[in-house]
Amino acid sequence: MTLERVVSSPRTINAGLFLSQHTPVPVGHSVTWWLSGLVCRLQPYTYHAVRANVGQVLGPDVEARALERIIRQIFYHFFRGYYDLFRSLGLPYEELVDLVHIPEVIRQLLTPEGRGNRPLILVMAHIGNFDLVGQVVAHYTRDLQVLSLPDPHPGFRSLNTLRERGGARVTPLGPAALRQAIRTLRDGATVVVGGDRPVSQLDEPVSFFGRPARVPSAHVRLALRSDALVIPVCCAFEPETRRYALQYEEPLVMLRTGDREEDAVLNMRRILDSLEAMIRRWIDQWLMFVPVWPELMEE
């Protein structure tokens, strides 16, 4: 069983909810740092997946000691993110929205009027605390549909239920969810989808950090079909301010050449370029626990 499955199991979620409500923040964060060190010592499968993913991003010249520091930080932000998420579920609205800084330009774009009543797709990188920012973003937009992992196991279903507490509709990826996403976008509302985690062998490999990867592409076709504005985003923890902040790349209007397949390839490349820029910047918060490039696990 992977680390993600353990942490997202119903039993762990219930324990996390209880402990987060009864543990002082400094103690909670100290425990998450200890847990990150434990994972790095035990080196389960998830550790090796993270090492392979980060190694591909940073290249062969990264020093072993620097790589280990980054991996430790990644697991720290993973455990801390869950602690902060569980703690946030018991907070009043005013304290919840204070946990994540949403830039004013994004606040405006989250309103239909602020983006000219066109639909909006937020393509998220798995950086920092993407679940917590979803809770906050849902307060700024009238309708939010989140496309999550397909065929979720019981633990992820429990996590999806928690995600919906903030007001978002969480729909596991599949034909029905995509049809619903089209309706959501046609109504001028907002869809959120992860853009850097492989979810299906049906996705055609594309170059991602210089190596073919089966990262999702459905959001590109959704954007082309609905004429949605696309914004690559993530939620990184900022040590200087000691809070999370929604980070974003330049909003993208889909380019059209007259050829549907060429449009999909062209716009997919533009989105991946933005995601790569964010991941490089916050590599020590890239919470990617499945092999993006499975062949690296065999080397």
C-alpha atoms as a PDB file:
ATOM      1  CA  MET A   1       0.000   0.000   0.000  1.00  0.00           C
ATOM      2  CA  THR A   2       1.339   3.455  -0.943  1.00  0.00           C
ATOM      3  CA  LEU A   3       1.834   6.297   1.513  1.00  0.00           C
ATOM      4  CA  GLU A   4      -0.988   8.260  -0.113  1.00  0.00           C
ATOM      5  CA  ARG A   5      -3.410   5.392   0.489  1.00  0.00           C
ATOM      6  CA  VAL A   6      -2.347   5.062   4.107  1.00  0.00           C
ATOM      7  CA  VAL A   7      -2.742   8.780   4.813  1.00  0.00           C
ATOM      8  CA  SER A   8      -6.049   9.028   2.951  1.00  0.00           C
ATOM      9  CA  SER A   9      -7.622   5.917   4.487  1.00  0.00           C
ATOM     10  CA  PRO A  10     -10.856   6.555   6.436  1.00  0.00           C
ATOM     11  CA  ARG A  11      -9.214   5.501   9.701  1.00  0.00           C
ATOM     12  CA  THR A  12      -6.255   7.841   9.215  1.00  0.00           C
ATOM     13  CA  ILE A  13      -8.513  10.721   8.164  1.00  0.00           C
ATOM     14  CA  ASN A  14     -10.662  10.316  11.282  1.00  0.00           C
ATOM     15  CA  ALA A  15      -7.564  10.188  13.493  1.00  0.00           C
ATOM     16  CA  GLY A  16      -6.099  13.203  11.686  1.00  0.00           C
ATOM     17  CA  LEU A  17      -9.279  15.203  12.120  1.00  0.00           C
ATOM     18  CA  PHE A  18      -9.321  14.473  15.838  1.00  0.00           C
ATOM     19  CA  LEU A  19      -5.629  15.162  16.445  1.00  0.00           C
ATOM     20  CA  SER A  20      -5.551  18.326  14.348  1.00  0.00           C
ATOM     21  CA  GLN A  21      -8.362  19.812  16.422  1.00  0.00           C
ATOM     22  CA  HIS A  22      -6.607  18.989  19.711  1.00  0.00           C
ATOM     23  CA  THR A  23      -2.922  19.532  18.897  1.00  0.00           C
ATOM     24  CA  PRO A  24      -1.289  22.989  19.110  1.00  0.00           C
ATOM     25  CA  VAL A  25      -0.004  24.172  15.741  1.00  0.00           C
ATOM     26  CA  PRO A  26       3.717  24.216  16.729  1.00  0.00           C
ATOM     27  CA  VAL A  27       3.426  20.649  18.012  1.00  0.00           C
ATOM     28  CA  GLY A  28       1.528  19.514  14.937  1.00  0.00           C
ATOM     29  CA  HIS A  29       4.127  20.956  12.588  1.00  0.00           C
ATOM     30  CA  SER A  30       6.968  19.436  14.634  1.00  0.00           C
ATOM     31  CA  VAL A  31       5.337  16.023  14.335  1.00  0.00           C
ATOM     32  CA  THR A  32       5.020  16.402  10.569  1.00  0.00           C
ATOM     33  CA  TRP A  33       8.750  17.184  10.337  1.00  0.00           C
ATOM     34  CA  TRP A  34       9.509  14.046  12.375  1.00  0.00           C
ATOM     35  CA  LEU A  35       7.258  11.968  10.098  1.00  0.00           C
ATOM     36  CA  SER A  36       9.069  13.261   7.018  1.00  0.00           C
ATOM     37  CA  GLY A  37      12.376  12.106   8.485  1.00  0.00           C
ATOM     38  CA  LEU A  38      10.887   8.698   9.271  1.00  0.00           C
ATOM     39  CA  VAL A  39       9.762   8.225   5.677  1.00  0.00           C
ATOM     40  CA  CYS A  40      13.214   9.180   4.394  1.00  0.00           C
ATOM     41  CA  ARG A  41      14.789   6.611   6.705  1.00  0.00           C
ATOM     42  CA  LEU A  42      12.379   3.798   5.858  1.00  0.00           C
ATOM     43  CA  GLN A  43      12.384   4.638   2.123  1.00  0.00           C
ATOM     44  CA  PRO A  44       9.098   3.000   1.054  1.00  0.00           C
ATOM     45  CA  TYR A  45       8.032   2.758  -2.584  1.00  0.00           C
ATOM     46  CA  THR A  46       6.634   6.296  -2.476  1.00  0.00           C
ATOM     47  CA  TYR A  47      10.041   7.635  -1.478  1.00  0.00           C
ATOM     48  CA  HIS A  48      11.626   6.108  -4.585  1.00  0.00           C
ATOM     49  CA  ALA A  49       8.843   7.465  -6.805  1.00  0.00           C
ATOM     50  CA  VAL A  50       9.484  10.978  -5.452  1.00  0.00           C
ATOM     51  CA  ARG A  51      13.221  10.556  -5.938  1.00  0.00           C
ATOM     52  CA  ALA A  52      12.763   9.488  -9.562  1.00  0.00           C
ATOM     53  CA  ASN A  53      10.351  12.350 -10.314  1.00  0.00           C
ATOM     54  CA  VAL A  54      12.512  15.038  -8.722  1.00  0.00           C
ATOM     55  CA  GLY A  55      15.640  13.616 -10.299  1.00  0.00           C
ATOM     56  CA  GLN A  56      14.110  13.962 -13.759  1.00  0.00           C
ATOM     57  CA  VAL A  57      13.167  17.599 -13.096  1.00  0.00           C
ATOM     58  CA  LEU A  58      16.554  18.595 -11.660  1.00  0.00           C
ATOM     59  CA  GLY A  59      18.675  16.533 -14.030  1.00  0.00           C
ATOM     60  CA  PRO A  60      21.663  14.232 -13.503  1.00  0.00           C
ATOM     61  CA  ASP A  61      23.917  16.946 -12.078  1.00  0.00           C
ATOM     62  CA  VAL A  62      21.952  17.435  -8.859  1.00  0.00           C
ATOM     63  CA  GLU A  63      24.038  16.575  -5.797  1.00  0.00           C
ATOM     64  CA  ALA A  64      22.867  13.618  -3.720  1.00  0.00           C
ATOM     65  CA  ARG A  65      22.768  15.631  -0.487  1.00  0.00           C
ATOM     66  CA  ALA A  66      20.725  18.403  -2.108  1.00  0.00           C
ATOM     67  CA  LEU A  67      18.329  15.822  -3.543  1.00  0.00           C
ATOM     68  CA  GLU A  68      17.836  14.273  -0.095  1.00  0.00           C
ATOM     69  CA  ARG A  69      17.059  17.677   1.430  1.00  0.00           C
ATOM     70  CA  ILE A  70      14.447  18.331  -1.239  1.00  0.00           C
ATOM     71  CA  ILE A  71      12.829  14.929  -0.732  1.00  0.00           C
ATOM     72  CA  ARG A  72      12.634  15.515   3.036  1.00  0.00           C
ATOM     73  CA  GLN A  73      10.981  18.887   2.427  1.00  0.00           C
ATOM     74  CA  ILE A  74       8.465  17.295   0.060  1.00  0.00           C
ATOM     75  CA  PHE A  75       7.310  14.777   2.660  1.00  0.00           C
ATOM     76  CA  TYR A  76       7.254  17.501   5.313  1.00  0.00           C
ATOM     77  CA  HIS A  77       4.944  19.645   3.175  1.00  0.00           C
ATOM     78  CA  PHE A  78       2.808  16.579   2.454  1.00  0.00           C
ATOM     79  CA  PHE A  79       2.204  15.774   6.135  1.00  0.00           C
ATOM     80  CA  ARG A  80       1.965  19.443   7.109  1.00  0.00           C
ATOM     81  CA  GLY A  81      -0.558  20.010   4.330  1.00  0.00           C
ATOM     82  CA  TYR A  82      -2.852  17.323   5.676  1.00  0.00           C
ATOM     83  CA  TYR A  83      -2.517  18.664   9.215  1.00  0.00           C
ATOM     84  CA  ASP A  84      -3.349  22.198   8.052  1.00  0.00           C
ATOM     85  CA  LEU A  85      -6.252  20.913   5.922  1.00  0.00           C
ATOM     86  CA  PHE A  86      -7.788  18.909   8.755  1.00  0.00           C
ATOM     87  CA  ARG A  87      -7.358  21.828  11.163  1.00  0.00           C
ATOM     88  CA  SER A  88      -8.975  24.218   8.690  1.00  0.00           C
ATOM     89  CA  LEU A  89     -12.183  22.185   8.585  1.00  0.00           C
ATOM     90  CA  GLY A  90     -13.002  23.316  12.105  1.00  0.00           C
ATOM     91  CA  LEU A  91     -12.282  26.994  11.521  1.00  0.00           C
ATOM     92  CA  PRO A  92     -14.854  29.754  10.907  1.00  0.00           C
ATOM     93  CA  TYR A  93     -14.965  31.291   7.452  1.00  0.00           C
ATOM     94  CA  GLU A  94     -12.924  34.381   8.410  1.00  0.00           C
ATOM     95  CA  GLU A  95     -10.010  32.285   9.694  1.00  0.00           C
ATOM     96  CA  LEU A  96     -10.208  29.799   6.829  1.00  0.00           C
ATOM     97  CA  VAL A  97      -9.795  32.379   4.072  1.00  0.00           C
ATOM     98  CA  ASP A  98      -6.910  33.925   5.995  1.00  0.00           C
ATOM     99  CA  LEU A  99      -4.908  30.695   5.655  1.00  0.00           C
ATOM    100  CA  VAL A 100      -4.455  31.141   1.897  1.00  0.00           C
ATOM    101  CA  HIS A 101      -3.632  34.391   0.133  1.00  0.00           C
ATOM    102  CA  ILE A 102      -5.611  34.735  -3.093  1.00  0.00           C
ATOM    103  CA  PRO A 103      -4.197  37.527  -5.299  1.00  0.00           C
ATOM    104  CA  GLU A 104      -6.704  40.209  -6.190  1.00  0.00           C
ATOM    105  CA  VAL A 105      -6.369  39.490  -9.921  1.00  0.00           C
ATOM    106  CA  ILE A 106      -7.417  35.883  -9.299  1.00  0.00           C
ATOM    107  CA  ARG A 107     -10.271  36.932  -7.036  1.00  0.00           C
ATOM    108  CA  GLN A 108     -11.610  39.015  -9.887  1.00  0.00           C
ATOM    109  CA  LEU A 109     -11.180  36.202 -12.404  1.00  0.00           C
ATOM    110  CA  LEU A 110     -13.080  33.834 -10.103  1.00  0.00           C
ATOM    111  CA  THR A 111     -16.193  35.972 -10.648  1.00  0.00           C
ATOM    112  CA  PRO A 112     -17.987  35.623 -14.012  1.00  0.00           C
ATOM    113  CA  GLU A 113     -18.024  39.402 -14.424  1.00  0.00           C
ATOM    114  CA  GLY A 114     -14.275  39.618 -13.829  1.00  0.00           C
ATOM    115  CA  ARG A 115     -13.550  37.349 -16.800  1.00  0.00           C
ATOM    116  CA  GLY A 116     -16.199  38.634 -19.162  1.00  0.00           C
ATOM    117  CA  ASN A 117     -18.658  35.842 -18.269  1.00  0.00           C
ATOM    118  CA  ARG A 118     -16.544  33.247 -20.040  1.00  0.00           C
ATOM    119  CA  PRO A 119     -15.952  29.863 -18.391  1.00  0.00           C
ATOM    120  CA  LEU A 120     -12.779  29.202 -16.416  1.00  0.00           C
ATOM    121  CA  ILE A 121     -10.515  26.174 -16.038  1.00  0.00           C
ATOM    122  CA  LEU A 122      -7.916  26.145 -13.263  1.00  0.00           C
ATOM    123  CA  VAL A 123      -5.173  23.629 -14.096  1.00  0.00           C
ATOM    124  CA  MET A 124      -3.425  22.812 -10.840  1.00  0.00           C
ATOM    125  CA  ALA A 125       0.045  21.502 -10.183  1.00  0.00           C
ATOM    126  CA  HIS A 126       0.285  19.217  -7.144  1.00  0.00           C
ATOM    127  CA  ILE A 127       2.303  21.741  -5.174  1.00  0.00           C
ATOM    128  CA  GLY A 128       1.901  22.690  -1.515  1.00  0.00           C
ATOM    129  CA  ASN A 129      -1.687  22.389  -0.315  1.00  0.00           C
ATOM    130  CA  PHE A 130      -3.996  22.054  -3.297  1.00  0.00           C
ATOM    131  CA  ASP A 131      -6.833  20.692  -1.121  1.00  0.00           C
ATOM    132  CA  LEU A 132      -6.760  23.687   1.208  1.00  0.00           C
ATOM    133  CA  VAL A 133      -6.771  26.213  -1.615  1.00  0.00           C
ATOM    134  CA  GLY A 134      -9.778  24.416  -3.087  1.00  0.00           C
ATOM    135  CA  GLN A 135     -11.660  25.064   0.154  1.00  0.00           C
ATOM    136  CA  VAL A 136     -10.854  28.776  -0.084  1.00  0.00           C
ATOM    137  CA  VAL A 137     -11.421  29.191  -3.836  1.00  0.00           C
ATOM    138  CA  ALA A 138     -14.900  27.710  -3.442  1.00  0.00           C
ATOM    139  CA  HIS A 139     -15.803  30.748  -1.312  1.00  0.00           C
ATOM    140  CA  TYR A 140     -14.956  33.131  -4.150  1.00  0.00           C
ATOM    141  CA  THR A 141     -16.802  31.471  -7.013  1.00  0.00           C
ATOM    142  CA  ARG A 142     -20.492  30.658  -7.367  1.00  0.00           C
ATOM    143  CA  ASP A 143     -19.968  27.173  -8.808  1.00  0.00           C
ATOM    144  CA  LEU A 144     -16.842  25.018  -8.666  1.00  0.00           C
ATOM    145  CA  GLN A 145     -16.432  21.530 -10.088  1.00  0.00           C
ATOM    146  CA  VAL A 146     -13.264  19.610  -9.218  1.00  0.00           C
ATOM    147  CA  LEU A 147     -12.236  16.691 -11.432  1.00  0.00           C
ATOM    148  CA  SER A 148     -10.517  14.191  -9.153  1.00  0.00           C
ATOM    149  CA  LEU A 149      -8.815  10.808  -9.586  1.00  0.00           C
ATOM    150  CA  PRO A 150     -10.899   8.210 -11.457  1.00  0.00           C
ATOM    151  CA  ASP A 151     -12.220   5.140  -9.624  1.00  0.00           C
ATOM    152  CA  PRO A 152     -11.179   6.364  -6.150  1.00  0.00           C
ATOM    153  CA  HIS A 153     -10.605   3.804  -3.407  1.00  0.00           C
ATOM    154  CA  PRO A 154     -12.568   4.232  -0.117  1.00  0.00           C
ATOM    155  CA  GLY A 155      -9.918   6.494   1.395  1.00  0.00           C
ATOM    156  CA  PHE A 156      -9.980   8.934  -1.504  1.00  0.00           C
ATOM    157  CA  ARG A 157     -13.774   8.872  -1.473  1.00  0.00           C
ATOM    158  CA  SER A 158     -13.630   9.968   2.168  1.00  0.00           C
ATOM    159  CA  LEU A 159     -11.159  12.694   1.224  1.00  0.00           C
ATOM    160  CA  ASN A 160     -13.435  13.840  -1.604  1.00  0.00           C
ATOM    161  CA  THR A 161     -16.270  14.160   0.909  1.00  0.00           C
ATOM    162  CA  LEU A 162     -14.075  16.439   3.023  1.00  0.00           C
ATOM    163  CA  ARG A 163     -13.183  18.477  -0.049  1.00  0.00           C
ATOM    164  CA  GLU A 164     -16.853  19.123  -0.705  1.00  0.00           C
ATOM    165  CA  ARG A 165     -17.297  20.752   2.717  1.00  0.00           C
ATOM    166  CA  GLY A 166     -16.055  24.003   1.227  1.00  0.00           C
ATOM    167  CA  GLY A 167     -18.779  24.003  -1.415  1.00  0.00           C
ATOM    168  CA  ALA A 168     -17.035  22.424  -4.402  1.00  0.00           C
ATOM    169  CA  ARG A 169     -18.519  19.525  -6.368  1.00  0.00           C
ATOM    170  CA  VAL A 170     -15.924  16.753  -6.577  1.00  0.00           C
ATOM    171  CA  THR A 171     -16.424  14.389  -9.527  1.00  0.00           C
ATOM    172  CA  PRO A 172     -13.999  11.504 -10.226  1.00  0.00           C
ATOM    173  CA  LEU A 173     -12.742  11.620 -13.794  1.00  0.00           C
ATOM    174  CA  GLY A 174     -14.776   9.637 -16.276  1.00  0.00           C
ATOM    175  CA  PRO A 175     -17.213  10.146 -19.157  1.00  0.00           C
ATOM    176  CA  ALA A 176     -20.037  11.305 -16.874  1.00  0.00           C
ATOM    177  CA  ALA A 177     -17.790  13.788 -15.051  1.00  0.00           C
ATOM    178  CA  LEU A 178     -16.511  15.211 -18.339  1.00  0.00           C
ATOM    179  CA  ARG A 179     -20.057  15.673 -19.620  1.00  0.00           C
ATOM    180  CA  GLN A 180     -20.875  17.437 -16.384  1.00  0.00           C
ATOM    181  CA  ALA A 181     -17.761  19.603 -16.787  1.00  0.00           C
ATOM    182  CA  ILE A 182     -18.944  20.681 -20.227  1.00  0.00           C
ATOM    183  CA  ARG A 183     -22.280  21.732 -18.711  1.00  0.00           C
ATOM    184  CA  THR A 184     -20.472  23.539 -15.885  1.00  0.00           C
ATOM    185  CA  LEU A 185     -18.341  25.472 -18.357  1.00  0.00           C
ATOM    186  CA  ARG A 186     -21.249  26.259 -20.653  1.00  0.00           C
ATOM    187  CA  ASP A 187     -22.950  27.804 -17.637  1.00  0.00           C
ATOM    188  CA  GLY A 188     -19.939  30.114 -17.321  1.00  0.00           C
ATOM    189  CA  ALA A 189     -18.677  28.466 -14.126  1.00  0.00           C
ATOM    190  CA  THR A 190     -15.301  27.051 -13.024  1.00  0.00           C
ATOM    191  CA  VAL A 191     -13.666  23.636 -13.374  1.00  0.00           C
ATOM    192  CA  VAL A 192     -10.505  22.587 -11.534  1.00  0.00           C
ATOM    193  CA  VAL A 193      -8.295  19.754 -12.767  1.00  0.00           C
ATOM    194  CA  GLY A 194      -4.807  18.485 -11.974  1.00  0.00           C
ATOM    195  CA  GLY A 195      -2.459  18.790 -14.908  1.00  0.00           C
ATOM    196  CA  ASP A 196       0.729  17.043 -13.779  1.00  0.00           C
ATOM    197  CA  ARG A 197      -0.362  13.645 -12.421  1.00  0.00           C
ATOM    198  CA  PRO A 198      -0.789  10.662 -14.789  1.00  0.00           C
ATOM    199  CA  VAL A 199      -4.256   9.184 -14.411  1.00  0.00           C
ATOM    200  CA  SER A 200      -4.845   7.083 -17.533  1.00  0.00           C
ATOM    201  CA  GLN A 201      -2.901   4.964 -19.978  1.00  0.00           C
ATOM    202  CA  LEU A 202      -5.226   6.350 -22.650  1.00  0.00           C
ATOM    203  CA  ASP A 203      -3.506   9.742 -22.540  1.00  0.00           C
ATOM    204  CA  GLU A 204      -0.951  10.068 -25.304  1.00  0.00           C
ATOM    205  CA  PRO A 205       2.617  10.611 -24.061  1.00  0.00           C
ATOM    206  CA  VAL A 206       3.839  14.201 -24.357  1.00  0.00           C
ATOM    207  CA  SER A 207       7.151  15.772 -23.474  1.00  0.00           C
ATOM    208  CA  PHE A 208       7.208  16.775 -19.810  1.00  0.00           C
ATOM    209  CA  PHE A 209      10.528  17.982 -18.428  1.00  0.00           C
ATOM    210  CA  GLY A 210      12.175  16.577 -21.533  1.00  0.00           C
ATOM    211  CA  ARG A 211      10.776  13.041 -21.253  1.00  0.00           C
ATOM    212  CA  PRO A 212       7.507  11.505 -22.526  1.00  0.00           C
ATOM    213  CA  ALA A 213       4.820  11.281 -19.848  1.00  0.00           C
ATOM    214  CA  ARG A 214       1.122  10.370 -19.880  1.00  0.00           C
ATOM    215  CA  VAL A 215      -0.107  13.524 -18.159  1.00  0.00           C
ATOM    216  CA  PRO A 216      -3.805  14.482 -18.486  1.00  0.00           C
ATOM    217  CA  SER A 217      -5.039  16.289 -21.574  1.00  0.00           C
ATOM    218  CA  ALA A 218      -8.819  16.411 -21.083  1.00  0.00           C
ATOM    219  CA  HIS A 219      -8.693  20.007 -19.829  1.00  0.00           C
ATOM    220  CA  VAL A 220      -7.270  21.167 -23.174  1.00  0.00           C
ATOM    221  CA  ARG A 221     -10.155  19.693 -25.129  1.00  0.00           C
ATOM    222  CA  LEU A 222     -12.639  21.033 -22.570  1.00  0.00           C
ATOM    223  CA  ALA A 223     -11.158  24.512 -22.983  1.00  0.00           C
ATOM    224  CA  LEU A 224     -11.240  24.330 -26.780  1.00  0.00           C
ATOM    225  CA  ARG A 225     -14.822  23.092 -26.747  1.00  0.00           C
ATOM    226  CA  SER A 226     -16.093  25.706 -24.293  1.00  0.00           C
ATOM    227  CA  ASP A 227     -13.789  28.644 -25.141  1.00  0.00           C
ATOM    228  CA  ALA A 228     -12.762  28.712 -21.491  1.00  0.00           C
ATOM    229  CA  LEU A 229      -9.971  30.827 -20.058  1.00  0.00           C
ATOM    230  CA  VAL A 230      -7.238  28.562 -18.643  1.00  0.00           C
ATOM    231  CA  ILE A 231      -5.069  29.524 -15.670  1.00  0.00           C
ATOM    232  CA  PRO A 232      -2.237  27.246 -14.462  1.00  0.00           C
ATOM    233  CA  VAL A 233      -2.148  27.540 -10.657  1.00  0.00           C
ATOM    234  CA  CYS A 234      -0.730  25.991  -7.507  1.00  0.00           C
ATOM    235  CA  CYS A 235      -0.854  26.628  -3.758  1.00  0.00           C
ATOM    236  CA  ALA A 236       2.663  27.006  -2.372  1.00  0.00           C
ATOM    237  CA  PHE A 237       3.639  27.563   1.243  1.00  0.00           C
ATOM    238  CA  GLU A 238       5.639  30.790   1.617  1.00  0.00           C
ATOM    239  CA  PRO A 239       8.176  30.591   4.492  1.00  0.00           C
ATOM    240  CA  GLU A 240       8.483  34.389   4.569  1.00  0.00           C
ATOM    241  CA  THR A 241       4.812  34.956   5.361  1.00  0.00           C
ATOM    242  CA  ARG A 242       4.201  31.570   7.051  1.00  0.00           C
ATOM    243  CA  ARG A 243       1.056  31.062   5.003  1.00  0.00           C
ATOM    244  CA  TYR A 244      -0.066  29.503   1.763  1.00  0.00           C
ATOM    245  CA  ALA A 245      -0.561  31.535  -1.382  1.00  0.00           C
ATOM    246  CA  LEU A 246      -2.257  30.751  -4.658  1.00  0.00           C
ATOM    247  CA  GLN A 247       0.398  31.159  -7.334  1.00  0.00           C
ATOM    248  CA  TYR A 248      -0.496  31.504 -10.983  1.00  0.00           C
ATOM    249  CA  GLU A 249       0.994  31.711 -14.429  1.00  0.00           C
ATOM    250  CA  GLU A 250      -0.286  33.901 -17.250  1.00  0.00           C
ATOM    251  CA  PRO A 251      -3.967  33.192 -18.025  1.00  0.00           C
ATOM    252  CA  LEU A 252      -4.234  31.480 -21.404  1.00  0.00           C
ATOM    253  CA  VAL A 253      -6.778  31.937 -24.159  1.00  0.00           C
ATOM    254  CA  MET A 254      -6.749  28.856 -26.368  1.00  0.00           C
ATOM    255  CA  LEU A 255      -5.072  29.367 -29.722  1.00  0.00           C
ATOM    256  CA  ARG A 256      -6.773  27.991 -32.827  1.00  0.00           C
ATOM    257  CA  THR A 257      -5.169  27.026 -36.107  1.00  0.00           C
ATOM    258  CA  GLY A 258      -8.172  25.491 -37.855  1.00  0.00           C
ATOM    259  CA  ASP A 259      -6.908  21.961 -37.168  1.00  0.00           C
ATOM    260  CA  ARG A 260      -8.440  20.403 -34.029  1.00  0.00           C
ATOM    261  CA  GLU A 261      -5.603  18.002 -33.308  1.00  0.00           C
ATOM    262  CA  GLU A 262      -2.968  20.661 -33.894  1.00  0.00           C
ATOM    263  CA  ASP A 263      -4.905  22.995 -31.572  1.00  0.00           C
ATOM    264  CA  ALA A 264      -4.851  20.339 -28.839  1.00  0.00           C
ATOM    265  CA  VAL A 265      -1.094  19.749 -29.189  1.00  0.00           C
ATOM    266  CA  LEU A 266      -0.256  23.446 -29.363  1.00  0.00           C
ATOM    267  CA  ASN A 267      -2.284  24.441 -26.299  1.00  0.00           C
ATOM    268  CA  MET A 268      -1.214  21.388 -24.305  1.00  0.00           C
ATOM    269  CA  ARG A 269       2.386  22.505 -24.789  1.00  0.00           C
ATOM    270  CA  ARG A 270       1.609  26.007 -23.554  1.00  0.00           C
ATOM    271  CA  ILE A 271      -0.057  24.689 -20.397  1.00  0.00           C
ATOM    272  CA  LEU A 272       2.756  22.230 -19.675  1.00  0.00           C
ATOM    273  CA  ASP A 273       5.344  24.990 -20.073  1.00  0.00           C
ATOM    274  CA  SER A 274       3.536  26.928 -17.332  1.00  0.00           C
ATOM    275  CA  LEU A 275       3.256  23.882 -15.064  1.00  0.00           C
ATOM    276  CA  GLU A 276       6.940  23.116 -15.541  1.00  0.00           C
ATOM    277  CA  ALA A 277       7.854  26.665 -14.520  1.00  0.00           C
ATOM    278  CA  MET A 278       5.864  26.369 -11.293  1.00  0.00           C
ATOM    279  CA  ILE A 279       7.212  22.933 -10.438  1.00  0.00           C
ATOM    280  CA  ARG A 280      10.812  24.062 -10.961  1.00  0.00           C
ATOM    281  CA  ARG A 281      10.227  27.051  -8.714  1.00  0.00           C
ATOM    282  CA  TRP A 282       8.638  25.013  -5.907  1.00  0.00           C
ATOM    283  CA  ILE A 283      10.293  21.663  -6.501  1.00  0.00           C
ATOM    284  CA  ASP A 284      10.565  21.057  -2.738  1.00  0.00           C
ATOM    285  CA  GLN A 285       6.755  21.197  -2.518  1.00  0.00           C
ATOM    286  CA  TRP A 286       5.927  19.059  -5.557  1.00  0.00           C
ATOM    287  CA  LEU A 287       3.763  16.347  -3.996  1.00  0.00           C
ATOM    288  CA  MET A 288       3.927  13.830  -6.808  1.00  0.00           C
ATOM    289  CA  PHE A 289       3.870  10.375  -5.251  1.00  0.00           C
ATOM    290  CA  VAL A 290       3.209   8.275  -8.338  1.00  0.00           C
ATOM    291  CA  PRO A 291       5.887   7.708 -10.986  1.00  0.00           C
ATOM    292  CA  VAL A 292       5.405  10.291 -13.720  1.00  0.00           C
ATOM    293  CA  TRP A 293       7.974   8.360 -15.744  1.00  0.00           C
ATOM    294  CA  PRO A 294       7.513   4.682 -14.710  1.00  0.00           C
ATOM    295  CA  GLU A 295      10.566   3.551 -16.632  1.00  0.00           C
ATOM    296  CA  LEU A 296      12.793   5.504 -14.238  1.00  0.00           C
ATOM    297  CA  MET A 297      11.701   3.180 -11.423  1.00  0.00           C
ATOM    298  CA  GLU A 298      13.244   0.276 -13.320  1.00  0.00           C
ATOM    299  CA  GLU A 299      16.654   1.872 -13.826  1.00  0.00           C
END
